[in-house]
Amino acid sequence: MTCCTTGISPEALSQFIGLHVQPDAEVLIVDPDRGNRASFNRKMDALGYSRTETRISTLPGSGAKYKGRLLRYLKTS
């Protein structure tokens, strides 16, 4: 499965993050609820990240309607 807008697979994105972040890291991803979250979460879990998810119903600033989630991954050494 690939991301709808970028063509990047959950595996490729998690590998990129794993290679490029510091040992202590916070990663924020805005997920538009298009079906890649479960696979990406499993990949990030395997890399040792904890996660929280926050539903987003409006965009900050403009207040425009939005359907998605803010995914916050945290890893400490």
C-alpha atoms as a PDB file:
ATOM      1  CA  MET A   1       0.000   0.000   0.000  1.00  0.00           C
ATOM      2  CA  THR A   2       1.277   3.481  -0.776  1.00  0.00           C
ATOM      3  CA  CYS A   3       0.327   6.929   0.429  1.00  0.00           C
ATOM      4  CA  CYS A   4      -2.346   8.466  -1.773  1.00  0.00           C
ATOM      5  CA  THR A   5      -0.624  11.806  -2.291  1.00  0.00           C
ATOM      6  CA  THR A   6       3.088  10.949  -2.302  1.00  0.00           C
ATOM      7  CA  GLY A   7       3.305   7.335  -3.402  1.00  0.00           C
ATOM      8  CA  ILE A   8       5.522   6.540  -0.391  1.00  0.00           C
ATOM      9  CA  SER A   9       4.775   3.264   1.379  1.00  0.00           C
ATOM     10  CA  PRO A  10       4.362   3.114   5.167  1.00  0.00           C
ATOM     11  CA  GLU A  11       7.463   0.904   5.258  1.00  0.00           C
ATOM     12  CA  ALA A  12       9.588   3.388   3.272  1.00  0.00           C
ATOM     13  CA  LEU A  13       8.478   6.319   5.438  1.00  0.00           C
ATOM     14  CA  SER A  14       9.161   4.462   8.697  1.00  0.00           C
ATOM     15  CA  GLN A  15      12.598   3.402   7.394  1.00  0.00           C
ATOM     16  CA  PHE A  16      13.405   6.998   6.450  1.00  0.00           C
ATOM     17  CA  ILE A  17      12.399   8.186   9.915  1.00  0.00           C
ATOM     18  CA  GLY A  18      14.428   5.418  11.554  1.00  0.00           C
ATOM     19  CA  LEU A  19      17.545   6.429   9.624  1.00  0.00           C
ATOM     20  CA  HIS A  20      17.272  10.205  10.021  1.00  0.00           C
ATOM     21  CA  VAL A  21      16.029  11.046  13.513  1.00  0.00           C
ATOM     22  CA  GLN A  22      18.034  11.445  16.696  1.00  0.00           C
ATOM     23  CA  PRO A  23      17.907   8.665  19.352  1.00  0.00           C
ATOM     24  CA  ASP A  24      15.460  10.842  21.341  1.00  0.00           C
ATOM     25  CA  ALA A  25      12.809  12.033  18.924  1.00  0.00           C
ATOM     26  CA  GLU A  26       9.262  13.243  18.519  1.00  0.00           C
ATOM     27  CA  VAL A  27       7.700  12.692  15.104  1.00  0.00           C
ATOM     28  CA  LEU A  28       4.414  14.377  14.147  1.00  0.00           C
ATOM     29  CA  ILE A  29       2.401  13.141  11.168  1.00  0.00           C
ATOM     30  CA  VAL A  30      -0.924  14.509   9.939  1.00  0.00           C
ATOM     31  CA  ASP A  31      -2.876  11.499   8.708  1.00  0.00           C
ATOM     32  CA  PRO A  32      -5.849  12.196   6.399  1.00  0.00           C
ATOM     33  CA  ASP A  33      -7.541   8.866   7.327  1.00  0.00           C
ATOM     34  CA  ARG A  34      -6.875   7.184   3.987  1.00  0.00           C
ATOM     35  CA  GLY A  35      -6.055   3.695   5.202  1.00  0.00           C
ATOM     36  CA  ASN A  36      -2.283   3.701   5.819  1.00  0.00           C
ATOM     37  CA  ARG A  37      -2.292   4.377   9.561  1.00  0.00           C
ATOM     38  CA  ALA A  38      -2.436   0.778  10.866  1.00  0.00           C
ATOM     39  CA  SER A  39       0.485  -0.393   8.751  1.00  0.00           C
ATOM     40  CA  PHE A  40       2.554   2.695   9.563  1.00  0.00           C
ATOM     41  CA  ASN A  41       1.794   2.311  13.286  1.00  0.00           C
ATOM     42  CA  ARG A  42       3.055  -1.292  13.217  1.00  0.00           C
ATOM     43  CA  LYS A  43       6.279  -0.185  11.522  1.00  0.00           C
ATOM     44  CA  MET A  44       6.843   2.612  14.043  1.00  0.00           C
ATOM     45  CA  ASP A  45       6.045   0.235  16.941  1.00  0.00           C
ATOM     46  CA  ALA A  46       8.755  -2.097  15.622  1.00  0.00           C
ATOM     47  CA  LEU A  47      11.216   0.829  15.710  1.00  0.00           C
ATOM     48  CA  GLY A  48      10.428   1.386  19.408  1.00  0.00           C
ATOM     49  CA  TYR A  49       8.158   4.438  19.194  1.00  0.00           C
ATOM     50  CA  SER A  50       5.223   5.009  21.519  1.00  0.00           C
ATOM     51  CA  ARG A  51       2.275   6.824  19.987  1.00  0.00           C
ATOM     52  CA  THR A  52      -0.744   8.977  20.655  1.00  0.00           C
ATOM     53  CA  GLU A  53      -3.487   9.868  18.191  1.00  0.00           C
ATOM     54  CA  THR A  54      -5.640  12.979  18.243  1.00  0.00           C
ATOM     55  CA  ARG A  55      -8.644  13.362  15.944  1.00  0.00           C
ATOM     56  CA  ILE A  56      -8.682  16.587  13.961  1.00  0.00           C
ATOM     57  CA  SER A  57     -12.031  18.033  12.896  1.00  0.00           C
ATOM     58  CA  THR A  58     -10.986  21.601  12.095  1.00  0.00           C
ATOM     59  CA  LEU A  59      -7.776  23.142  10.810  1.00  0.00           C
ATOM     60  CA  PRO A  60      -5.868  25.464  13.129  1.00  0.00           C
ATOM     61  CA  GLY A  61      -6.073  29.117  12.171  1.00  0.00           C
ATOM     62  CA  SER A  62      -8.741  28.937   9.470  1.00  0.00           C
ATOM     63  CA  GLY A  63     -11.207  26.715  11.328  1.00  0.00           C
ATOM     64  CA  ALA A  64     -11.969  24.923   8.057  1.00  0.00           C
ATOM     65  CA  LYS A  65     -13.440  21.441   8.426  1.00  0.00           C
ATOM     66  CA  TYR A  66     -10.953  18.576   8.223  1.00  0.00           C
ATOM     67  CA  LYS A  67     -11.183  14.846   8.794  1.00  0.00           C
ATOM     68  CA  GLY A  68      -7.990  13.222   9.954  1.00  0.00           C
ATOM     69  CA  ARG A  69      -5.654  12.621  12.867  1.00  0.00           C
ATOM     70  CA  LEU A  70      -2.489  13.989  14.342  1.00  0.00           C
ATOM     71  CA  LEU A  71      -0.162  11.068  15.027  1.00  0.00           C
ATOM     72  CA  ARG A  72       2.550  11.710  17.612  1.00  0.00           C
ATOM     73  CA  TYR A  73       5.357   9.180  17.904  1.00  0.00           C
ATOM     74  CA  LEU A  74       7.890   9.451  20.731  1.00  0.00           C
ATOM     75  CA  LYS A  75      11.146   7.572  21.238  1.00  0.00           C
ATOM     76  CA  THR A  76      13.638   7.996  24.049  1.00  0.00           C
ATOM     77  CA  SER A  77      16.983   6.284  24.422  1.00  0.00           C
END
